[in-house]
């Protein structure tokens, strides 16, 4: 998620990069963006043939969107923001993300690292740069139910941005808590709850103190196709600004013997918000791989 507008702050949770305070209205090639998103699902024709086992396919589809799945994962995700709340500007954020399970003695953990590339409006043009690096490590509880995953642990954001207009200039720390219920092969649901606050960095940069709640639900249509809704609610404790978006998208899972491929596109719209710094509407698209 990306923020912009007159209340623009240099906060940057994993999906919420900064737009420059000097931003002026810009226009990107929206037709090209739409064609690109359609082309993303069109990649399905180039993927390896799916595993024909019905049991294997349904299990893979149910677990393909599990953020705590006990697999190595690489995600390529993109947020295109077409308009902001109160500000007629657009922007883009590409996210490279990786997840890896590991053990500490006899305990199970999952590490997830994210690095964004942010394109933001700036003086009639665009500024593009690497954003702030974020990582969290979640301790995985033994729930006694293989379909139910629960994790909680610390998170850290480092000021790695290549330009101060695309990062927070702050070190921030907090926690991440995840729940995912894949007990049903038809409907899977859960949430990701995060909070972080700045503790070091450029003293002239605004402080970070922000929470995010991402409920998600996936409805399997059969054959690897599924409906999805994963909008991220955000509350800024510094300004009391917030957004509550709703999304509805379509995805397709392609399980093979070694890799599970997952393609999806999800338009999202902010139905309740305060402040000018959130996406009014955006399109979230991604390509995930589980090994």
C-alpha atoms as a PDB file:
ATOM      1  CA  UNK A   1       0.000   0.000   0.000  1.00  0.00           C
ATOM      2  CA  UNK A   2       1.240   3.494  -0.873  1.00  0.00           C
ATOM      3  CA  UNK A   3       0.572   6.835   0.681  1.00  0.00           C
ATOM      4  CA  UNK A   4       0.617  10.363  -0.711  1.00  0.00           C
ATOM      5  CA  UNK A   5      -0.871  13.807  -0.151  1.00  0.00           C
ATOM      6  CA  UNK A   6      -0.552  16.906   1.967  1.00  0.00           C
ATOM      7  CA  UNK A   7      -0.071  14.854   5.144  1.00  0.00           C
ATOM      8  CA  UNK A   8       2.663  12.778   3.537  1.00  0.00           C
ATOM      9  CA  UNK A   9       5.031  11.296   6.079  1.00  0.00           C
ATOM     10  CA  UNK A  10       8.202   9.335   5.564  1.00  0.00           C
ATOM     11  CA  UNK A  11       6.814   6.226   7.157  1.00  0.00           C
ATOM     12  CA  UNK A  12       7.202   2.994   5.283  1.00  0.00           C
ATOM     13  CA  UNK A  13       5.713  -0.256   6.457  1.00  0.00           C
ATOM     14  CA  UNK A  14       6.364  -3.114   4.010  1.00  0.00           C
ATOM     15  CA  UNK A  15       3.516  -2.136   1.640  1.00  0.00           C
ATOM     16  CA  UNK A  16       3.186   1.565   2.309  1.00  0.00           C
ATOM     17  CA  UNK A  17       5.973   3.691   0.827  1.00  0.00           C
ATOM     18  CA  UNK A  18       6.230   7.432   0.979  1.00  0.00           C
ATOM     19  CA  UNK A  19       5.258   9.858  -1.735  1.00  0.00           C
ATOM     20  CA  UNK A  20       7.393  13.019  -1.913  1.00  0.00           C
ATOM     21  CA  UNK A  21       6.095  16.102  -0.119  1.00  0.00           C
ATOM     22  CA  UNK A  22       6.833  18.062  -3.289  1.00  0.00           C
ATOM     23  CA  UNK A  23       4.772  15.740  -5.427  1.00  0.00           C
ATOM     24  CA  UNK A  24       2.817  17.230  -8.286  1.00  0.00           C
ATOM     25  CA  UNK A  25      -0.004  15.534 -10.197  1.00  0.00           C
ATOM     26  CA  UNK A  26       1.296  13.080 -12.765  1.00  0.00           C
ATOM     27  CA  UNK A  27      -0.118  10.539 -15.173  1.00  0.00           C
ATOM     28  CA  UNK A  28       1.324   7.159 -15.964  1.00  0.00           C
ATOM     29  CA  UNK A  29       0.278   5.013 -18.907  1.00  0.00           C
ATOM     30  CA  UNK A  30      -2.750   3.377 -17.315  1.00  0.00           C
ATOM     31  CA  UNK A  31      -3.649   1.463 -20.478  1.00  0.00           C
ATOM     32  CA  UNK A  32      -0.238  -0.169 -20.397  1.00  0.00           C
ATOM     33  CA  UNK A  33      -0.738  -0.988 -16.725  1.00  0.00           C
ATOM     34  CA  UNK A  34      -4.065  -2.733 -17.425  1.00  0.00           C
ATOM     35  CA  UNK A  35      -2.549  -4.710 -20.289  1.00  0.00           C
ATOM     36  CA  UNK A  36       0.319  -5.684 -18.004  1.00  0.00           C
ATOM     37  CA  UNK A  37      -2.052  -6.999 -15.355  1.00  0.00           C
ATOM     38  CA  UNK A  38      -4.010  -9.005 -17.919  1.00  0.00           C
ATOM     39  CA  UNK A  39      -0.721 -10.333 -19.215  1.00  0.00           C
ATOM     40  CA  UNK A  40       0.172 -11.486 -15.711  1.00  0.00           C
ATOM     41  CA  UNK A  41      -2.654 -14.011 -15.710  1.00  0.00           C
ATOM     42  CA  UNK A  42      -1.800 -14.771 -19.325  1.00  0.00           C
ATOM     43  CA  UNK A  43       1.515 -16.164 -18.120  1.00  0.00           C
ATOM     44  CA  UNK A  44      -0.464 -19.269 -17.188  1.00  0.00           C
ATOM     45  CA  UNK A  45      -0.024 -20.563 -20.712  1.00  0.00           C
ATOM     46  CA  UNK A  46       3.748 -20.559 -20.230  1.00  0.00           C
ATOM     47  CA  UNK A  47       3.835 -22.414 -16.907  1.00  0.00           C
ATOM     48  CA  UNK A  48       4.621 -26.126 -16.584  1.00  0.00           C
ATOM     49  CA  UNK A  49       1.723 -28.534 -16.766  1.00  0.00           C
ATOM     50  CA  UNK A  50      -0.093 -28.820 -13.442  1.00  0.00           C
ATOM     51  CA  UNK A  51      -0.038 -31.931 -11.299  1.00  0.00           C
ATOM     52  CA  UNK A  52      -3.111 -33.909 -12.367  1.00  0.00           C
ATOM     53  CA  UNK A  53      -3.675 -35.483  -8.923  1.00  0.00           C
ATOM     54  CA  UNK A  54      -6.964 -34.074  -7.571  1.00  0.00           C
ATOM     55  CA  UNK A  55      -5.924 -34.566  -3.935  1.00  0.00           C
ATOM     56  CA  UNK A  56      -2.547 -32.957  -4.524  1.00  0.00           C
ATOM     57  CA  UNK A  57      -4.084 -30.076  -6.467  1.00  0.00           C
ATOM     58  CA  UNK A  58      -6.752 -29.242  -3.880  1.00  0.00           C
ATOM     59  CA  UNK A  59      -4.231 -29.368  -1.031  1.00  0.00           C
ATOM     60  CA  UNK A  60      -1.805 -27.104  -2.927  1.00  0.00           C
ATOM     61  CA  UNK A  61      -4.583 -24.640  -3.743  1.00  0.00           C
ATOM     62  CA  UNK A  62      -5.614 -24.471  -0.088  1.00  0.00           C
ATOM     63  CA  UNK A  63      -2.044 -23.810   1.088  1.00  0.00           C
ATOM     64  CA  UNK A  64      -0.848 -21.630  -1.816  1.00  0.00           C
ATOM     65  CA  UNK A  65      -1.779 -18.379  -0.054  1.00  0.00           C
ATOM     66  CA  UNK A  66      -0.727 -19.439   3.444  1.00  0.00           C
ATOM     67  CA  UNK A  67       1.869 -16.880   4.656  1.00  0.00           C
ATOM     68  CA  UNK A  68       3.063 -19.460   7.228  1.00  0.00           C
ATOM     69  CA  UNK A  69       3.317 -22.429   4.879  1.00  0.00           C
ATOM     70  CA  UNK A  70       6.255 -24.654   5.783  1.00  0.00           C
ATOM     71  CA  UNK A  71       7.935 -24.082   2.414  1.00  0.00           C
ATOM     72  CA  UNK A  72      10.497 -21.792   0.861  1.00  0.00           C
ATOM     73  CA  UNK A  73       8.665 -19.079  -1.065  1.00  0.00           C
ATOM     74  CA  UNK A  74       9.547 -16.262  -3.451  1.00  0.00           C
ATOM     75  CA  UNK A  75       6.952 -13.587  -4.226  1.00  0.00           C
ATOM     76  CA  UNK A  76       6.892 -10.913  -6.914  1.00  0.00           C
ATOM     77  CA  UNK A  77       4.164  -8.431  -5.993  1.00  0.00           C
ATOM     78  CA  UNK A  78       3.040  -5.067  -7.330  1.00  0.00           C
ATOM     79  CA  UNK A  79       0.710  -2.294  -6.169  1.00  0.00           C
ATOM     80  CA  UNK A  80      -0.410   0.191  -8.798  1.00  0.00           C
ATOM     81  CA  UNK A  81      -2.183   3.165  -7.191  1.00  0.00           C
ATOM     82  CA  UNK A  82      -4.448   5.004  -9.597  1.00  0.00           C
ATOM     83  CA  UNK A  83      -5.670   7.700  -7.215  1.00  0.00           C
ATOM     84  CA  UNK A  84      -5.162   8.804  -3.630  1.00  0.00           C
ATOM     85  CA  UNK A  85      -7.688   9.898  -1.017  1.00  0.00           C
ATOM     86  CA  UNK A  86      -8.059  13.629  -1.663  1.00  0.00           C
ATOM     87  CA  UNK A  87      -5.097  13.811  -4.061  1.00  0.00           C
ATOM     88  CA  UNK A  88      -5.213  13.210  -7.817  1.00  0.00           C
ATOM     89  CA  UNK A  89      -1.879  11.401  -8.165  1.00  0.00           C
ATOM     90  CA  UNK A  90      -0.727   7.898  -8.977  1.00  0.00           C
ATOM     91  CA  UNK A  91       2.269   5.769  -8.020  1.00  0.00           C
ATOM     92  CA  UNK A  92       3.611   2.220  -8.027  1.00  0.00           C
ATOM     93  CA  UNK A  93       5.367  -0.195  -5.704  1.00  0.00           C
ATOM     94  CA  UNK A  94       7.060  -3.445  -6.712  1.00  0.00           C
ATOM     95  CA  UNK A  95       7.948  -5.835  -3.870  1.00  0.00           C
ATOM     96  CA  UNK A  96      10.447  -8.667  -3.912  1.00  0.00           C
ATOM     97  CA  UNK A  97       9.679 -10.979  -0.998  1.00  0.00           C
ATOM     98  CA  UNK A  98      11.121 -14.261   0.256  1.00  0.00           C
ATOM     99  CA  UNK A  99      10.111 -16.612   3.079  1.00  0.00           C
ATOM    100  CA  UNK A 100      12.153 -19.408   4.628  1.00  0.00           C
ATOM    101  CA  UNK A 101      11.283 -21.802   7.484  1.00  0.00           C
ATOM    102  CA  UNK A 102      14.007 -22.525  10.041  1.00  0.00           C
ATOM    103  CA  UNK A 103      14.509 -24.055  13.477  1.00  0.00           C
ATOM    104  CA  UNK A 104      15.871 -22.740  16.758  1.00  0.00           C
ATOM    105  CA  UNK A 105      16.577 -25.826  18.843  1.00  0.00           C
ATOM    106  CA  UNK A 106      13.259 -27.692  18.773  1.00  0.00           C
ATOM    107  CA  UNK A 107      11.093 -24.687  17.830  1.00  0.00           C
ATOM    108  CA  UNK A 108       9.749 -23.953  14.355  1.00  0.00           C
ATOM    109  CA  UNK A 109      10.099 -20.454  12.864  1.00  0.00           C
ATOM    110  CA  UNK A 110       9.455 -18.682   9.578  1.00  0.00           C
ATOM    111  CA  UNK A 111      11.445 -15.660   8.360  1.00  0.00           C
ATOM    112  CA  UNK A 112       9.975 -13.312   5.752  1.00  0.00           C
ATOM    113  CA  UNK A 113      12.000 -10.532   4.114  1.00  0.00           C
ATOM    114  CA  UNK A 114      10.664  -7.787   1.825  1.00  0.00           C
ATOM    115  CA  UNK A 115      12.403  -5.192  -0.323  1.00  0.00           C
ATOM    116  CA  UNK A 116      10.292  -2.682  -2.299  1.00  0.00           C
ATOM    117  CA  UNK A 117      11.084  -0.588  -5.346  1.00  0.00           C
ATOM    118  CA  UNK A 118       8.977   2.566  -5.156  1.00  0.00           C
ATOM    119  CA  UNK A 119       7.993   4.886  -7.992  1.00  0.00           C
ATOM    120  CA  UNK A 120       6.533   8.131  -6.667  1.00  0.00           C
ATOM    121  CA  UNK A 121       5.394  11.430  -8.219  1.00  0.00           C
ATOM    122  CA  UNK A 122       7.955  14.189  -7.847  1.00  0.00           C
ATOM    123  CA  UNK A 123       7.833  17.702  -9.354  1.00  0.00           C
ATOM    124  CA  UNK A 124       5.826  16.702 -12.408  1.00  0.00           C
ATOM    125  CA  UNK A 125       7.789  13.508 -13.012  1.00  0.00           C
ATOM    126  CA  UNK A 126       8.687  10.389 -11.095  1.00  0.00           C
ATOM    127  CA  UNK A 127      11.323   9.320  -8.615  1.00  0.00           C
ATOM    128  CA  UNK A 128      12.112   5.613  -8.502  1.00  0.00           C
ATOM    129  CA  UNK A 129      14.299   3.935  -5.938  1.00  0.00           C
ATOM    130  CA  UNK A 130      14.802   1.010  -3.607  1.00  0.00           C
ATOM    131  CA  UNK A 131      12.768   1.404  -0.417  1.00  0.00           C
ATOM    132  CA  UNK A 132      13.247   0.276   3.175  1.00  0.00           C
ATOM    133  CA  UNK A 133      14.081  -3.357   3.908  1.00  0.00           C
ATOM    134  CA  UNK A 134      11.683  -5.189   6.223  1.00  0.00           C
ATOM    135  CA  UNK A 135      12.026  -8.579   7.891  1.00  0.00           C
ATOM    136  CA  UNK A 136      10.071 -10.501  10.496  1.00  0.00           C
ATOM    137  CA  UNK A 137      10.561 -13.868  12.152  1.00  0.00           C
ATOM    138  CA  UNK A 138       7.450 -15.682  13.361  1.00  0.00           C
ATOM    139  CA  UNK A 139       7.468 -18.463  15.931  1.00  0.00           C
ATOM    140  CA  UNK A 140       5.106 -21.175  14.678  1.00  0.00           C
ATOM    141  CA  UNK A 141       2.814 -22.660  17.302  1.00  0.00           C
ATOM    142  CA  UNK A 142       2.009 -26.362  17.282  1.00  0.00           C
ATOM    143  CA  UNK A 143      -1.776 -26.111  17.017  1.00  0.00           C
ATOM    144  CA  UNK A 144      -2.320 -29.864  16.682  1.00  0.00           C
ATOM    145  CA  UNK A 145      -4.222 -29.146  13.452  1.00  0.00           C
ATOM    146  CA  UNK A 146      -2.180 -29.291  10.223  1.00  0.00           C
ATOM    147  CA  UNK A 147      -4.696 -26.966   8.562  1.00  0.00           C
ATOM    148  CA  UNK A 148      -4.340 -24.225  11.181  1.00  0.00           C
ATOM    149  CA  UNK A 149      -1.186 -22.067  11.244  1.00  0.00           C
ATOM    150  CA  UNK A 150      -0.454 -19.484  13.941  1.00  0.00           C
ATOM    151  CA  UNK A 151       2.715 -17.431  14.313  1.00  0.00           C
ATOM    152  CA  UNK A 152       4.016 -14.381  16.152  1.00  0.00           C
ATOM    153  CA  UNK A 153       7.380 -12.680  16.365  1.00  0.00           C
ATOM    154  CA  UNK A 154       9.449  -9.510  16.022  1.00  0.00           C
ATOM    155  CA  UNK A 155       9.842  -7.379  12.917  1.00  0.00           C
ATOM    156  CA  UNK A 156      12.472  -4.831  11.900  1.00  0.00           C
ATOM    157  CA  UNK A 157      12.562  -2.171   9.189  1.00  0.00           C
ATOM    158  CA  UNK A 158      15.948  -0.765   8.120  1.00  0.00           C
ATOM    159  CA  UNK A 159      16.376   2.594   6.314  1.00  0.00           C
ATOM    160  CA  UNK A 160      17.895   1.167   3.141  1.00  0.00           C
ATOM    161  CA  UNK A 161      16.123   3.526   0.723  1.00  0.00           C
ATOM    162  CA  UNK A 162      18.239   4.824  -2.140  1.00  0.00           C
ATOM    163  CA  UNK A 163      16.486   8.219  -1.914  1.00  0.00           C
ATOM    164  CA  UNK A 164      14.878   9.923   1.077  1.00  0.00           C
ATOM    165  CA  UNK A 165      11.713  10.414  -0.991  1.00  0.00           C
ATOM    166  CA  UNK A 166      11.085   6.665  -1.163  1.00  0.00           C
ATOM    167  CA  UNK A 167      11.937   5.665   2.411  1.00  0.00           C
ATOM    168  CA  UNK A 168      11.392   6.589   6.048  1.00  0.00           C
ATOM    169  CA  UNK A 169      15.019   7.412   7.047  1.00  0.00           C
ATOM    170  CA  UNK A 170      14.159   5.607  10.295  1.00  0.00           C
ATOM    171  CA  UNK A 171      14.936   2.326  12.011  1.00  0.00           C
ATOM    172  CA  UNK A 172      11.653   0.802  13.180  1.00  0.00           C
ATOM    173  CA  UNK A 173      10.772  -2.289  15.182  1.00  0.00           C
ATOM    174  CA  UNK A 174       7.613  -4.027  16.302  1.00  0.00           C
ATOM    175  CA  UNK A 175       5.802  -7.331  15.944  1.00  0.00           C
ATOM    176  CA  UNK A 176       3.920  -9.431  13.419  1.00  0.00           C
ATOM    177  CA  UNK A 177       1.142 -11.913  14.228  1.00  0.00           C
ATOM    178  CA  UNK A 178      -0.323 -14.260  11.618  1.00  0.00           C
ATOM    179  CA  UNK A 179      -3.199 -16.747  11.601  1.00  0.00           C
ATOM    180  CA  UNK A 180      -4.239 -18.878   8.620  1.00  0.00           C
ATOM    181  CA  UNK A 181      -6.977 -21.506   8.627  1.00  0.00           C
ATOM    182  CA  UNK A 182      -6.827 -23.912   5.683  1.00  0.00           C
ATOM    183  CA  UNK A 183      -8.870 -26.644   7.352  1.00  0.00           C
ATOM    184  CA  UNK A 184     -11.426 -26.361   4.568  1.00  0.00           C
ATOM    185  CA  UNK A 185     -10.367 -27.056   0.988  1.00  0.00           C
ATOM    186  CA  UNK A 186     -13.038 -24.613  -0.231  1.00  0.00           C
ATOM    187  CA  UNK A 187     -12.637 -21.535   1.997  1.00  0.00           C
ATOM    188  CA  UNK A 188      -9.400 -20.412   3.645  1.00  0.00           C
ATOM    189  CA  UNK A 189      -9.144 -17.330   5.839  1.00  0.00           C
ATOM    190  CA  UNK A 190      -6.956 -15.557   8.367  1.00  0.00           C
ATOM    191  CA  UNK A 191      -5.181 -12.301   9.091  1.00  0.00           C
ATOM    192  CA  UNK A 192      -1.843 -10.556   9.424  1.00  0.00           C
ATOM    193  CA  UNK A 193      -1.535  -8.025  12.276  1.00  0.00           C
ATOM    194  CA  UNK A 194       1.563  -5.822  12.453  1.00  0.00           C
ATOM    195  CA  UNK A 195       2.771  -2.819  14.421  1.00  0.00           C
ATOM    196  CA  UNK A 196       6.037  -0.934  14.366  1.00  0.00           C
ATOM    197  CA  UNK A 197       7.499   2.307  15.711  1.00  0.00           C
ATOM    198  CA  UNK A 198      10.748   4.117  14.973  1.00  0.00           C
ATOM    199  CA  UNK A 199      13.575   4.078  17.524  1.00  0.00           C
ATOM    200  CA  UNK A 200      16.549   5.557  15.614  1.00  0.00           C
ATOM    201  CA  UNK A 201      17.501   7.247  12.372  1.00  0.00           C
ATOM    202  CA  UNK A 202      17.412  10.755  10.934  1.00  0.00           C
ATOM    203  CA  UNK A 203      16.148  13.035  13.711  1.00  0.00           C
ATOM    204  CA  UNK A 204      14.659  15.430  11.154  1.00  0.00           C
ATOM    205  CA  UNK A 205      12.483  12.701   9.614  1.00  0.00           C
ATOM    206  CA  UNK A 206       8.949  12.153  10.964  1.00  0.00           C
ATOM    207  CA  UNK A 207       8.553   9.422  13.572  1.00  0.00           C
ATOM    208  CA  UNK A 208       6.954   6.118  12.644  1.00  0.00           C
ATOM    209  CA  UNK A 209       4.151   4.613  14.734  1.00  0.00           C
ATOM    210  CA  UNK A 210       1.760   2.580  12.643  1.00  0.00           C
ATOM    211  CA  UNK A 211      -0.368  -0.521  12.829  1.00  0.00           C
ATOM    212  CA  UNK A 212      -1.812  -2.621  10.009  1.00  0.00           C
ATOM    213  CA  UNK A 213      -4.460  -5.330   9.964  1.00  0.00           C
ATOM    214  CA  UNK A 214      -4.880  -7.480   6.869  1.00  0.00           C
ATOM    215  CA  UNK A 215      -7.814  -9.904   6.935  1.00  0.00           C
ATOM    216  CA  UNK A 216      -7.774 -12.312   4.023  1.00  0.00           C
ATOM    217  CA  UNK A 217     -10.200 -14.838   2.601  1.00  0.00           C
ATOM    218  CA  UNK A 218      -9.852 -17.211  -0.359  1.00  0.00           C
ATOM    219  CA  UNK A 219     -12.705 -19.110  -1.998  1.00  0.00           C
ATOM    220  CA  UNK A 220     -11.724 -22.045  -4.207  1.00  0.00           C
ATOM    221  CA  UNK A 221     -13.694 -22.307  -7.449  1.00  0.00           C
ATOM    222  CA  UNK A 222     -12.073 -25.547  -8.583  1.00  0.00           C
ATOM    223  CA  UNK A 223      -9.334 -26.308 -11.057  1.00  0.00           C
ATOM    224  CA  UNK A 224      -6.921 -24.043  -9.192  1.00  0.00           C
ATOM    225  CA  UNK A 225      -9.048 -20.917  -9.717  1.00  0.00           C
ATOM    226  CA  UNK A 226     -10.016 -18.939  -6.626  1.00  0.00           C
ATOM    227  CA  UNK A 227     -11.536 -15.653  -5.487  1.00  0.00           C
ATOM    228  CA  UNK A 228      -9.568 -13.524  -3.030  1.00  0.00           C
ATOM    229  CA  UNK A 229      -9.869 -10.467  -0.781  1.00  0.00           C
ATOM    230  CA  UNK A 230      -6.778  -9.184   1.055  1.00  0.00           C
ATOM    231  CA  UNK A 231      -7.053  -5.400   1.581  1.00  0.00           C
ATOM    232  CA  UNK A 232      -4.754  -3.935   4.274  1.00  0.00           C
ATOM    233  CA  UNK A 233      -6.291  -1.673   6.931  1.00  0.00           C
ATOM    234  CA  UNK A 234      -3.820   0.906   8.261  1.00  0.00           C
ATOM    235  CA  UNK A 235      -3.903   3.197  11.300  1.00  0.00           C
ATOM    236  CA  UNK A 236      -1.279   5.905  11.795  1.00  0.00           C
ATOM    237  CA  UNK A 237      -0.917   6.581  15.522  1.00  0.00           C
ATOM    238  CA  UNK A 238       1.052   9.769  14.831  1.00  0.00           C
ATOM    239  CA  UNK A 239      -1.677  11.516  12.830  1.00  0.00           C
ATOM    240  CA  UNK A 240      -4.776   9.400  13.588  1.00  0.00           C
ATOM    241  CA  UNK A 241      -5.201   8.871   9.832  1.00  0.00           C
ATOM    242  CA  UNK A 242      -6.548   5.522   8.678  1.00  0.00           C
ATOM    243  CA  UNK A 243      -7.894   3.553   5.731  1.00  0.00           C
ATOM    244  CA  UNK A 244     -10.182   0.544   5.395  1.00  0.00           C
ATOM    245  CA  UNK A 245      -9.979  -0.904   1.877  1.00  0.00           C
ATOM    246  CA  UNK A 246     -11.949  -3.733   0.353  1.00  0.00           C
ATOM    247  CA  UNK A 247     -10.659  -5.930  -2.443  1.00  0.00           C
ATOM    248  CA  UNK A 248     -12.009  -8.611  -4.725  1.00  0.00           C
ATOM    249  CA  UNK A 249      -9.726 -10.474  -7.081  1.00  0.00           C
ATOM    250  CA  UNK A 250      -9.080 -13.656  -9.003  1.00  0.00           C
ATOM    251  CA  UNK A 251      -6.175 -16.060  -8.749  1.00  0.00           C
ATOM    252  CA  UNK A 252      -4.965 -19.288 -10.287  1.00  0.00           C
ATOM    253  CA  UNK A 253      -2.776 -21.966  -8.663  1.00  0.00           C
ATOM    254  CA  UNK A 254      -0.619 -24.269 -10.793  1.00  0.00           C
ATOM    255  CA  UNK A 255       0.795 -27.104  -8.654  1.00  0.00           C
ATOM    256  CA  UNK A 256       3.635 -29.167 -10.104  1.00  0.00           C
ATOM    257  CA  UNK A 257       5.756 -31.878  -8.539  1.00  0.00           C
ATOM    258  CA  UNK A 258       8.412 -29.433  -7.348  1.00  0.00           C
ATOM    259  CA  UNK A 259       6.926 -25.912  -7.425  1.00  0.00           C
ATOM    260  CA  UNK A 260       3.504 -24.427  -6.740  1.00  0.00           C
ATOM    261  CA  UNK A 261       2.867 -21.366  -8.936  1.00  0.00           C
ATOM    262  CA  UNK A 262       0.281 -18.795  -7.903  1.00  0.00           C
ATOM    263  CA  UNK A 263      -0.885 -15.877 -10.087  1.00  0.00           C
ATOM    264  CA  UNK A 264      -3.426 -13.279  -8.978  1.00  0.00           C
ATOM    265  CA  UNK A 265      -4.885  -9.826  -9.621  1.00  0.00           C
ATOM    266  CA  UNK A 266      -6.974  -7.941  -7.035  1.00  0.00           C
ATOM    267  CA  UNK A 267      -8.455  -4.430  -7.406  1.00  0.00           C
ATOM    268  CA  UNK A 268      -8.896  -2.686  -4.035  1.00  0.00           C
ATOM    269  CA  UNK A 269     -10.890   0.415  -3.025  1.00  0.00           C
ATOM    270  CA  UNK A 270     -10.801   2.429   0.214  1.00  0.00           C
ATOM    271  CA  UNK A 271     -14.359   2.513   1.565  1.00  0.00           C
ATOM    272  CA  UNK A 272     -13.583   4.384   4.813  1.00  0.00           C
ATOM    273  CA  UNK A 273     -10.599   6.662   5.353  1.00  0.00           C
ATOM    274  CA  UNK A 274      -9.269   9.772   7.056  1.00  0.00           C
ATOM    275  CA  UNK A 275      -6.456  11.888   5.662  1.00  0.00           C
ATOM    276  CA  UNK A 276      -5.083  12.418   2.171  1.00  0.00           C
ATOM    277  CA  UNK A 277      -2.276   9.879   2.343  1.00  0.00           C
ATOM    278  CA  UNK A 278      -3.870   6.580   1.292  1.00  0.00           C
ATOM    279  CA  UNK A 279      -4.773   4.847  -1.947  1.00  0.00           C
ATOM    280  CA  UNK A 280      -8.336   5.606  -3.016  1.00  0.00           C
ATOM    281  CA  UNK A 281      -8.082   2.734  -5.450  1.00  0.00           C
ATOM    282  CA  UNK A 282      -5.262   0.430  -6.403  1.00  0.00           C
ATOM    283  CA  UNK A 283      -4.597  -2.846  -8.207  1.00  0.00           C
ATOM    284  CA  UNK A 284      -2.614  -5.516  -6.406  1.00  0.00           C
ATOM    285  CA  UNK A 285      -1.049  -8.237  -8.558  1.00  0.00           C
ATOM    286  CA  UNK A 286       1.452 -10.960  -7.869  1.00  0.00           C
ATOM    287  CA  UNK A 287       3.289 -14.097  -8.875  1.00  0.00           C
ATOM    288  CA  UNK A 288       4.216 -16.450  -6.011  1.00  0.00           C
ATOM    289  CA  UNK A 289       6.340 -19.577  -6.028  1.00  0.00           C
ATOM    290  CA  UNK A 290       6.458 -22.209  -3.267  1.00  0.00           C
ATOM    291  CA  UNK A 291       9.228 -24.819  -3.273  1.00  0.00           C
END
